[in-house]
Protein backbone atom coordinates (compact mmCIF):
# COMPACT_ATOMS: atom_id res chain seq x y z
CA MET A 1 -3.62 -6.09 68.96
CA LYS A 2 -6.51 -8.41 67.94
CA SER A 3 -7.57 -6.43 64.79
CA SER A 4 -3.81 -6.16 63.62
CA LYS A 5 -3.13 -9.78 63.85
CA LYS A 6 -6.34 -10.48 61.80
CA GLY A 7 -5.60 -7.64 59.31
CA LEU A 8 -2.30 -9.32 58.90
CA VAL A 9 -3.88 -12.80 58.43
CA ALA A 10 -6.21 -11.57 55.95
CA LEU A 11 -3.24 -9.96 53.72
CA THR A 12 -1.60 -13.53 53.79
CA PRO A 13 -3.61 -14.67 50.34
CA LEU A 14 -1.36 -11.79 49.07
CA MET A 15 1.93 -12.81 50.40
CA VAL A 16 1.17 -16.10 48.89
CA MET A 17 0.54 -14.98 45.21
CA LEU A 18 3.92 -13.51 45.35
CA VAL A 19 6.04 -16.50 46.97
CA VAL A 20 4.24 -18.57 44.81
CA PHE A 21 4.78 -16.83 41.59
CA GLY A 22 8.42 -15.25 42.57
CA VAL A 23 10.29 -18.50 44.32
CA GLY A 24 8.25 -20.50 41.72
CA SER A 25 10.09 -18.29 38.94
CA LEU A 26 13.36 -18.11 40.52
CA ILE A 27 13.39 -21.94 41.04
CA ALA A 28 12.26 -22.48 36.93
CA GLY A 29 15.02 -19.77 36.27
CA ASP A 30 12.38 -17.88 34.31
CA PHE A 31 9.69 -15.00 34.95
CA TYR A 32 7.44 -16.72 32.35
CA ARG A 33 7.22 -20.65 33.55
CA ILE A 34 4.82 -19.73 36.29
CA PRO A 35 2.13 -17.80 34.71
CA ILE A 36 0.54 -15.11 37.08
CA SER A 37 -3.02 -16.63 36.61
CA LEU A 38 -1.80 -19.96 38.06
CA ALA A 39 -0.51 -17.82 41.31
CA PHE A 40 -3.42 -15.70 41.54
CA LEU A 41 -5.68 -18.94 41.75
CA VAL A 42 -3.34 -20.37 44.31
CA ALA A 43 -3.71 -17.68 46.60
CA THR A 44 -7.41 -17.46 45.76
CA ILE A 45 -7.69 -21.35 46.92
CA TYR A 46 -5.58 -20.31 50.01
CA ALA A 47 -7.98 -16.78 50.96
CA LEU A 48 -11.43 -18.72 50.71
CA PHE A 49 -10.58 -21.14 53.01
CA ILE A 50 -9.41 -18.44 55.49
CA ALA A 51 -11.76 -15.68 54.95
CA PRO A 52 -13.82 -14.62 57.74
CA GLU A 53 -17.24 -15.46 56.13
CA LYS A 54 -19.00 -18.42 57.60
CA GLY A 55 -18.55 -21.55 55.59
CA LEU A 56 -16.99 -21.92 51.92
CA THR A 57 -19.83 -21.17 50.15
CA LYS A 58 -20.09 -17.53 51.61
CA ASN A 59 -16.56 -16.83 50.79
CA ILE A 60 -17.40 -17.75 47.01
CA GLU A 61 -20.12 -15.96 47.03
CA LYS A 62 -17.73 -12.76 48.25
CA PHE A 63 -15.11 -13.78 46.11
CA SER A 64 -17.88 -13.59 42.88
CA GLN A 65 -19.21 -9.95 44.17
CA GLY A 66 -15.01 -8.57 43.78
CA ALA A 67 -14.43 -10.88 40.32
CA GLY A 68 -18.18 -9.48 38.77
CA SER A 69 -17.84 -6.16 40.33
CA PRO A 70 -19.40 -3.73 37.80
CA ARG A 71 -15.72 -1.56 37.69
CA ILE A 72 -13.81 -5.31 36.88
CA LEU A 73 -16.68 -5.92 33.98
CA TYR A 74 -16.07 -2.29 32.74
CA MET A 75 -12.50 -3.03 32.79
CA ILE A 76 -13.18 -6.22 30.80
CA TRP A 77 -15.06 -5.04 28.06
CA ILE A 78 -12.34 -2.22 27.64
CA PHE A 79 -9.67 -5.16 27.51
CA ILE A 80 -11.91 -6.76 24.75
CA LEU A 81 -12.45 -4.29 22.67
CA ALA A 82 -8.87 -2.89 22.88
CA GLY A 83 -7.74 -6.62 21.76
CA ALA A 84 -9.93 -6.60 18.73
CA PHE A 85 -8.97 -3.42 17.69
CA ALA A 86 -5.42 -4.16 17.91
CA THR A 87 -5.37 -7.20 16.40
CA SER A 88 -7.80 -6.25 13.52
CA ALA A 89 -5.43 -2.96 12.81
CA LYS A 90 -2.87 -5.19 12.91
CA ALA A 91 -4.46 -7.15 9.98
CA MET A 92 -4.69 -4.82 7.83
CA GLY A 93 -1.39 -3.29 7.57
CA ALA A 94 -1.66 -0.48 9.88
CA VAL A 95 0.94 -1.47 12.18
CA ASP A 96 3.34 -1.52 9.28
CA ALA A 97 2.09 0.99 7.66
CA THR A 98 2.53 3.49 11.05
CA VAL A 99 6.38 2.23 11.14
CA ASP A 100 7.02 2.80 7.66
CA LEU A 101 5.45 6.29 7.97
CA ALA A 102 7.61 7.19 10.87
CA LEU A 103 10.96 6.16 9.57
CA GLN A 104 9.92 7.85 6.09
CA ALA A 105 10.17 11.42 8.37
CA VAL A 106 13.18 10.65 9.71
CA PRO A 107 16.13 12.54 8.22
CA SER A 108 19.56 10.32 8.94
CA ARG A 109 21.72 12.63 10.68
CA LEU A 110 18.50 13.11 13.24
CA LEU A 111 18.14 8.97 13.27
CA PRO A 112 18.63 8.61 17.12
CA ALA A 113 15.99 11.34 17.82
CA GLY A 114 13.89 10.71 15.02
CA ILE A 115 13.59 6.70 16.03
CA PHE A 116 13.07 7.83 19.36
CA PHE A 117 10.10 10.17 18.32
CA ALA A 118 8.90 7.51 15.51
CA THR A 119 8.58 5.24 18.34
CA CYS A 120 7.03 7.43 20.94
CA PHE A 121 4.28 7.70 18.32
CA ILE A 122 3.87 4.31 17.05
CA SER A 123 3.58 3.16 20.76
CA MET A 124 0.85 5.92 21.78
CA SER A 125 -1.02 4.56 18.50
CA ILE A 126 -1.04 0.87 19.13
CA GLY A 127 -1.31 1.10 23.27
CA THR A 128 1.42 -2.10 23.55
CA SER A 129 5.09 -1.53 24.39
CA VAL A 130 6.31 -5.08 23.79
CA GLY A 131 4.37 -4.82 20.13
CA THR A 132 6.54 -1.65 19.31
CA ILE A 133 9.69 -3.37 20.41
CA VAL A 134 9.02 -6.56 18.21
CA ALA A 135 8.00 -4.01 15.08
CA LEU A 136 11.12 -1.85 15.29
CA THR A 137 13.98 -3.78 17.12
CA PRO A 138 14.63 -5.62 13.93
CA VAL A 139 14.62 -2.72 12.00
CA VAL A 140 17.05 -0.54 14.66
CA THR A 141 19.44 -3.61 14.94
CA GLY A 142 19.82 -3.81 11.27
CA LEU A 143 20.51 -0.13 11.28
CA ALA A 144 22.99 0.05 13.99
CA THR A 145 24.70 -3.07 12.03
CA GLU A 146 25.04 -1.33 8.95
CA LEU A 147 26.20 2.16 10.25
CA GLY A 148 28.37 0.71 12.88
CA VAL A 149 26.32 2.18 15.92
CA ASP A 150 26.26 0.13 19.51
CA VAL A 151 23.11 -2.20 18.87
CA ALA A 152 22.57 -2.03 22.33
CA TRP A 153 22.40 1.75 22.51
CA MET A 154 19.94 1.94 19.53
CA VAL A 155 17.89 -0.70 20.89
CA ALA A 156 17.33 1.07 24.10
CA ILE A 157 15.80 3.78 22.35
CA VAL A 158 12.89 1.71 20.82
CA VAL A 159 12.44 -0.06 24.11
CA GLY A 160 12.49 3.92 26.35
CA GLY A 161 9.76 5.04 23.35
CA ALA A 162 8.14 1.83 23.54
CA PHE A 163 7.04 3.01 27.36
CA PHE A 164 6.33 6.38 26.22
CA GLY A 165 3.20 4.83 24.63
CA ASP A 166 2.59 2.52 27.35
CA ASN A 167 2.40 5.11 29.97
CA LEU A 168 0.32 7.04 28.13
CA SER A 169 -2.32 5.82 25.05
CA PHE A 170 -6.18 5.17 25.63
CA ILE A 171 -5.52 2.16 24.86
CA SER A 172 -2.87 0.35 26.56
CA ASP A 173 -3.30 -2.18 29.34
CA THR A 174 -2.20 -0.67 31.50
CA THR A 175 -4.02 2.71 31.22
CA ILE A 176 -7.07 0.69 31.69
CA ALA A 177 -6.32 -0.98 34.50
CA ALA A 178 -4.97 2.40 35.93
CA THR A 179 -7.81 4.76 35.37
CA GLN A 180 -10.37 2.09 36.25
CA THR A 181 -8.79 0.90 39.63
CA GLN A 182 -8.40 4.59 40.46
CA GLY A 183 -12.07 5.82 39.26
CA CYS A 184 -11.42 8.80 36.60
CA ALA A 185 -11.31 9.22 32.94
CA MET A 186 -8.81 8.88 30.53
CA LYS A 187 -8.26 12.16 29.42
CA ASP A 188 -8.01 13.52 32.83
CA LYS A 189 -5.38 10.66 33.33
CA PHE A 190 -3.88 11.69 30.05
CA ARG A 191 -3.73 15.35 30.86
CA THR A 192 -1.92 14.91 34.20
CA ASN A 193 0.32 11.92 32.96
CA ILE A 194 1.82 14.39 30.09
CA ARG A 195 2.50 17.00 32.41
CA LEU A 196 4.56 14.39 34.20
CA VAL A 197 6.36 12.54 31.50
CA ALA A 198 6.82 15.36 29.13
CA PRO A 199 10.01 16.64 30.80
CA ALA A 200 11.73 13.84 30.41
CA ALA A 201 10.44 12.82 26.94
CA LEU A 202 11.95 16.05 26.31
CA ILE A 203 15.08 15.41 27.91
CA VAL A 204 15.32 12.52 26.09
CA LEU A 205 15.11 13.79 22.78
CA LEU A 206 17.70 16.59 23.21
CA ILE A 207 20.15 13.70 24.26
CA TYR A 208 19.41 12.12 21.37
CA LEU A 209 19.66 15.26 18.55
CA PHE A 210 23.08 16.15 20.24
CA SER A 211 24.08 12.64 20.87
CA GLY A 212 26.23 12.49 16.87
CA ASN A 213 26.89 8.64 17.46
CA VAL A 214 25.27 7.96 14.00
CA VAL A 215 27.01 8.84 10.45
CA GLY A 216 25.75 7.49 7.06
CA GLU A 217 22.68 7.38 5.23
CA VAL A 218 19.42 5.26 5.70
CA ASN A 219 17.53 4.32 2.66
CA ASN A 220 13.42 4.31 3.11
CA SER A 221 11.01 2.99 0.27
CA ALA A 222 8.54 6.08 -0.81
CA LEU A 223 4.88 5.35 0.90
CA THR A 224 1.75 5.02 -1.23
CA LEU A 225 -1.15 6.69 -0.68
CA VAL A 226 -2.97 3.53 0.41
CA ASP A 227 -0.05 3.12 3.15
CA THR A 228 -0.78 6.32 4.13
CA ILE A 229 -4.37 5.65 4.53
CA LYS A 230 -3.63 2.85 7.01
CA VAL A 231 -2.87 5.01 9.62
CA LEU A 232 -6.33 6.43 10.15
CA PRO A 233 -7.81 4.22 12.41
CA TYR A 234 -5.06 4.90 15.13
CA ILE A 235 -5.89 8.86 14.58
CA VAL A 236 -9.00 8.27 14.88
CA VAL A 237 -8.66 6.47 18.59
CA ILE A 238 -6.60 9.23 19.64
CA ALA A 239 -8.61 12.10 18.45
CA LEU A 240 -11.56 11.07 19.96
CA ALA A 241 -10.07 9.80 23.16
CA LEU A 242 -8.58 13.19 23.69
CA ALA A 243 -12.47 14.73 22.93
CA GLY A 244 -13.51 12.64 25.94
CA VAL A 245 -15.53 10.20 24.19
CA ASN A 246 -16.22 6.62 26.30
CA VAL A 247 -13.67 4.26 25.73
CA LEU A 248 -15.70 2.02 24.83
CA ILE A 249 -17.35 4.18 21.66
CA VAL A 250 -13.70 5.41 20.64
CA LEU A 251 -12.70 1.65 20.46
CA THR A 252 -15.68 0.51 18.56
CA CYS A 253 -14.81 3.32 16.17
CA GLY A 254 -11.64 2.24 15.67
CA ILE A 255 -12.99 -1.17 14.57
CA VAL A 256 -15.28 0.11 12.38
CA ALA A 257 -12.63 2.42 11.22
CA THR A 258 -10.43 -0.34 10.71
CA ALA A 259 -12.66 -2.64 8.83
CA LEU A 260 -14.23 0.03 6.47
CA ILE A 261 -10.32 0.69 5.19
CA GLY A 262 -8.85 -2.69 5.45
CA VAL A 263 -12.22 -4.40 3.95
CA GLY A 264 -12.92 -1.27 1.57
CA MET A 265 -9.62 -0.83 0.39
CA GLY A 266 -9.02 -4.55 -0.31
CA THR A 267 -6.33 -4.67 1.76
CA VAL A 268 -7.47 -7.85 4.03
CA GLU A 269 -10.50 -10.20 3.17
CA PHE A 270 -13.52 -10.14 4.81
CA PHE A 271 -13.68 -13.64 6.81
CA ASP A 272 -9.75 -12.72 7.91
CA PHE A 273 -10.79 -9.38 9.27
CA THR A 274 -13.46 -11.25 11.30
CA ALA A 275 -11.07 -13.93 12.22
CA SER A 276 -8.54 -11.12 13.44
CA LEU A 277 -11.19 -9.76 15.50
CA GLY A 278 -11.91 -13.03 17.27
CA GLU A 279 -8.17 -13.25 17.63
CA GLY A 280 -7.64 -9.85 19.08
CA MET A 281 -10.45 -10.37 21.69
CA CYS A 282 -9.16 -13.82 22.64
CA SER A 283 -5.53 -12.91 22.90
CA MET A 284 -6.95 -10.93 26.30
CA GLY A 285 -8.11 -13.94 27.83
CA GLU A 286 -5.35 -14.71 30.44
CA LEU A 287 -5.56 -10.93 31.54
CA ILE A 288 -9.29 -10.84 32.14
CA ILE A 289 -8.71 -14.30 34.13
CA VAL A 290 -6.51 -12.52 36.03
CA THR A 291 -8.27 -9.21 36.36
CA MET A 292 -11.49 -11.34 37.72
CA LEU A 293 -9.21 -13.36 40.17
CA ALA A 294 -7.76 -10.17 41.31
CA GLY A 295 -10.60 -8.54 41.93
CA GLY A 296 -12.31 -11.57 43.84
CA LEU A 297 -9.14 -11.93 45.95
CA LEU A 298 -8.87 -8.26 46.88
CA GLU A 299 -12.40 -8.27 48.05
CA LEU A 300 -12.09 -11.55 50.22
CA VAL A 301 -8.42 -9.58 51.60
CA LYS A 302 -10.65 -6.41 52.29
CA VAL A 303 -13.78 -8.09 53.65
CA GLY A 304 -11.02 -9.53 56.16
CA GLY A 305 -9.42 -6.39 57.15
CA GLY A 306 -6.31 -6.92 55.02
CA LEU A 307 -6.54 -3.69 52.73
CA ASP A 308 -7.32 -1.28 55.88
CA TYR A 309 -4.02 -3.06 57.68
CA LEU A 310 -2.05 -2.26 55.35
CA ILE A 311 -3.25 1.02 54.58
CA ARG A 312 -2.48 1.96 58.59
CA LEU A 313 0.86 0.27 58.04
CA ILE A 314 2.16 2.08 55.26
CA THR A 315 0.83 5.37 56.26
CA ARG A 316 0.96 5.71 59.65
CA ASN A 317 4.10 7.67 60.10
CA ILE A 318 2.60 9.40 57.34
CA ASN A 319 0.23 12.90 57.60
CA ASN A 320 0.47 14.60 54.21
CA ARG A 321 -0.03 14.08 50.62
CA ARG A 322 3.92 14.03 49.70
CA GLY A 323 4.08 11.19 52.20
CA GLY A 324 0.61 9.36 50.77
CA GLU A 325 1.98 9.69 47.12
CA GLY A 326 4.87 8.21 48.24
CA ALA A 327 3.46 5.46 49.72
CA ILE A 328 1.38 4.73 46.36
CA VAL A 329 4.64 4.68 44.17
CA LEU A 330 6.44 2.51 46.73
CA LEU A 331 3.35 -0.11 46.45
CA THR A 332 3.67 -0.10 42.80
CA THR A 333 7.51 -0.20 42.40
CA LEU A 334 7.11 -3.59 44.92
CA SER A 335 4.39 -5.02 42.95
CA ASN A 336 5.90 -4.53 39.52
CA VAL A 337 9.18 -5.82 41.15
CA CYS A 338 7.60 -9.37 42.75
CA THR A 339 5.08 -9.75 39.62
CA ALA A 340 7.71 -8.60 36.33
CA ASN A 341 4.35 -7.20 34.93
CA ASN A 342 2.83 -3.47 34.97
CA THR A 343 -0.47 -4.68 34.13
CA ILE A 344 -0.67 -7.01 36.90
CA ALA A 345 1.28 -4.65 39.36
CA ILE A 346 -1.47 -2.15 39.11
CA LEU A 347 -4.52 -4.22 39.40
CA THR A 348 -2.73 -5.71 42.28
CA ILE A 349 -2.34 -2.98 44.24
CA GLY A 350 -5.18 -0.50 42.35
CA ASP A 351 -7.46 -0.47 45.29
CA ILE A 352 -5.04 -0.24 47.83
CA ALA A 353 -3.59 2.90 46.08
CA ARG A 354 -7.02 4.41 45.87
CA ASN A 355 -7.57 4.29 49.37
CA ILE A 356 -4.85 5.93 50.01
CA ALA A 357 -5.10 8.39 47.50
CA GLN A 358 -9.20 9.01 49.09
CA LYS A 359 -7.20 9.06 52.47
CA PHE A 360 -4.86 12.17 52.00
CA GLY A 361 -7.09 13.90 49.25
CA ILE A 362 -4.97 12.78 46.36
CA SER A 363 -6.92 13.39 43.07
CA ALA A 364 -7.93 9.84 40.70
CA LYS A 365 -6.47 11.55 38.28
CA ARG A 366 -3.07 12.02 40.01
CA SER A 367 -2.73 8.63 41.60
CA ALA A 368 -3.83 6.71 38.65
CA SER A 369 -0.98 8.87 36.39
CA LEU A 370 1.59 7.84 39.47
CA ILE A 371 1.15 4.28 39.35
CA ASP A 372 1.12 4.16 35.86
CA THR A 373 4.02 5.87 35.91
CA ALA A 374 6.14 4.32 38.52
CA SER A 375 4.87 0.69 36.81
CA CYS A 376 6.19 1.77 33.45
CA PHE A 377 9.76 3.42 35.51
CA VAL A 378 10.14 -0.28 36.84
CA GLN A 379 9.07 -2.81 33.72
CA GLY A 380 11.33 -0.25 31.59
CA ILE A 381 14.34 -1.41 33.69
CA LEU A 382 13.56 -4.82 34.56
CA PRO A 383 15.41 -7.28 32.94
CA TYR A 384 13.41 -10.11 33.34
CA GLY A 385 10.50 -8.01 32.31
CA ALA A 386 8.95 -9.17 28.68
CA GLN A 387 9.71 -6.16 27.28
CA LEU A 388 13.70 -6.36 27.66
CA LEU A 389 13.64 -10.15 27.15
CA MET A 390 11.62 -9.81 23.99
CA ALA A 391 14.00 -6.63 22.66
CA SER A 392 16.70 -8.87 23.99
CA GLY A 393 15.88 -11.93 21.85
CA LEU A 394 15.30 -9.81 18.72
CA SER A 395 18.59 -7.91 18.98
CA GLY A 396 20.79 -10.68 20.58
CA VAL A 397 22.03 -8.60 23.33
CA SER A 398 21.88 -9.06 26.53
CA PRO A 399 19.24 -6.96 28.80
CA LEU A 400 22.20 -6.11 30.95
CA GLU A 401 23.78 -4.29 28.23
CA ILE A 402 20.39 -2.33 27.23
CA ILE A 403 19.50 -1.38 30.97
CA PRO A 404 22.33 1.48 30.85
CA HIS A 405 21.13 3.11 28.34
CA LEU A 406 17.62 3.41 28.99
CA TYR A 407 17.16 7.30 29.78
CA TYR A 408 13.36 7.37 29.50
CA PRO A 409 12.68 4.94 31.82
CA MET A 410 15.16 6.07 34.17
CA LEU A 411 13.95 9.90 33.57
CA ILE A 412 10.07 9.20 34.32
CA GLY A 413 10.60 7.32 37.49
CA LEU A 414 12.99 10.32 38.78
CA MET A 415 10.23 12.83 37.59
CA ALA A 416 7.56 10.82 39.49
CA VAL A 417 9.87 11.28 42.96
CA ILE A 418 10.59 14.96 41.86
CA SER A 419 6.72 15.64 41.38
CA ILE A 420 6.24 14.15 44.84
CA ILE A 421 8.93 16.29 46.55
CA PHE A 422 8.39 19.67 44.92
CA ASN A 423 4.75 19.85 43.86
CA PRO A 424 2.98 19.07 46.98
CA LYS A 425 -0.13 21.25 45.75
CA GLN A 426 -2.02 18.87 43.59
CA GLN A 427 -5.84 18.96 43.44
CA ILE A 428 -7.48 17.64 46.22
CA HIS A 429 -10.45 15.39 45.39
CA THR A 430 -11.39 13.29 48.62
CA LYS A 431 -14.53 11.44 46.71
CA ASN A 432 -13.20 9.78 43.02
């Protein structure tokens, strides 16, 4: 009883974080008025004073050990390079070229399916659902208006496809967070994850192929050789990542490719390119701060017995891998609803999910796939999530109008549940 009470008290910093963020956001009427970093900071200050170590100095040392652990720092190096690559690629025109190339290949009679396929390709290339939505929503909104098609339905195609890449891209924040917290290689997580979501993508593609909702013609401007070459950095990154090359090397090669193509072909000035690298690294600042705060906070929770208590509480009536996987998905779902950010949700429950996976012999690649997919499912249909708010703002339609048409996010959530219920024979790895 005493141990349980101690474990429950140790968990309260996580509750404080969720209350500060959730309640504060509800009071403000905006889930982005209260920075998630501030919520973590308040919870950290509280945790430092209730931690079991003797004295504040000792507690700060424990917090710092968690915040600066090799796993956390490795994740931060990836974030920095991913930000630099994404922004530099955009500066040299790779994003616009990729969008144009994808739309160029879309026959107008297959427009819905083509837009979905193009969005999947673009989001997989640039690794960000928000960036994909920002790039394509104005395009499909104009097309929908021109062709007399329901704007909310067309925008939902883009939002759904954007989460394909968010879930699978090697430079996506969620992929990085999922693989690093679970301790598995990106290529292994990708192979496991693609088997999970590919049926959903295929079903959605077939729905759009036979939707019959679009008539008329779309005018696509011809692409030049220069435009096509600009897509090469994304191809380099995807190819090297699939080949199993270390992600830091992959991203470095991507940055070198953007420099050689952008500066070499004169599509971006050298100093503009270097400025974009700095801008990209700095753009990851809040995510880096949150990652370190989360690492330190969870270390204090762990030292106090909070993680052990939570695992016992969630798994006390579970005696098999199926139940363990269900617990991981449930934790991720609740965390994402509370934080409204799939990357932060994964960072918040990553260590807990990893401990549950180890307890029930769930492989690291499987747990990484589950938490990433579950987080993308929730984020994809969350009306106060950044993606739907962005899509709503750019298209002029309410998030509630878009949600009923979000076939892909809904289906990947369903596929995760089906895979847990009907495929209990996952590979066992008790030591990840």
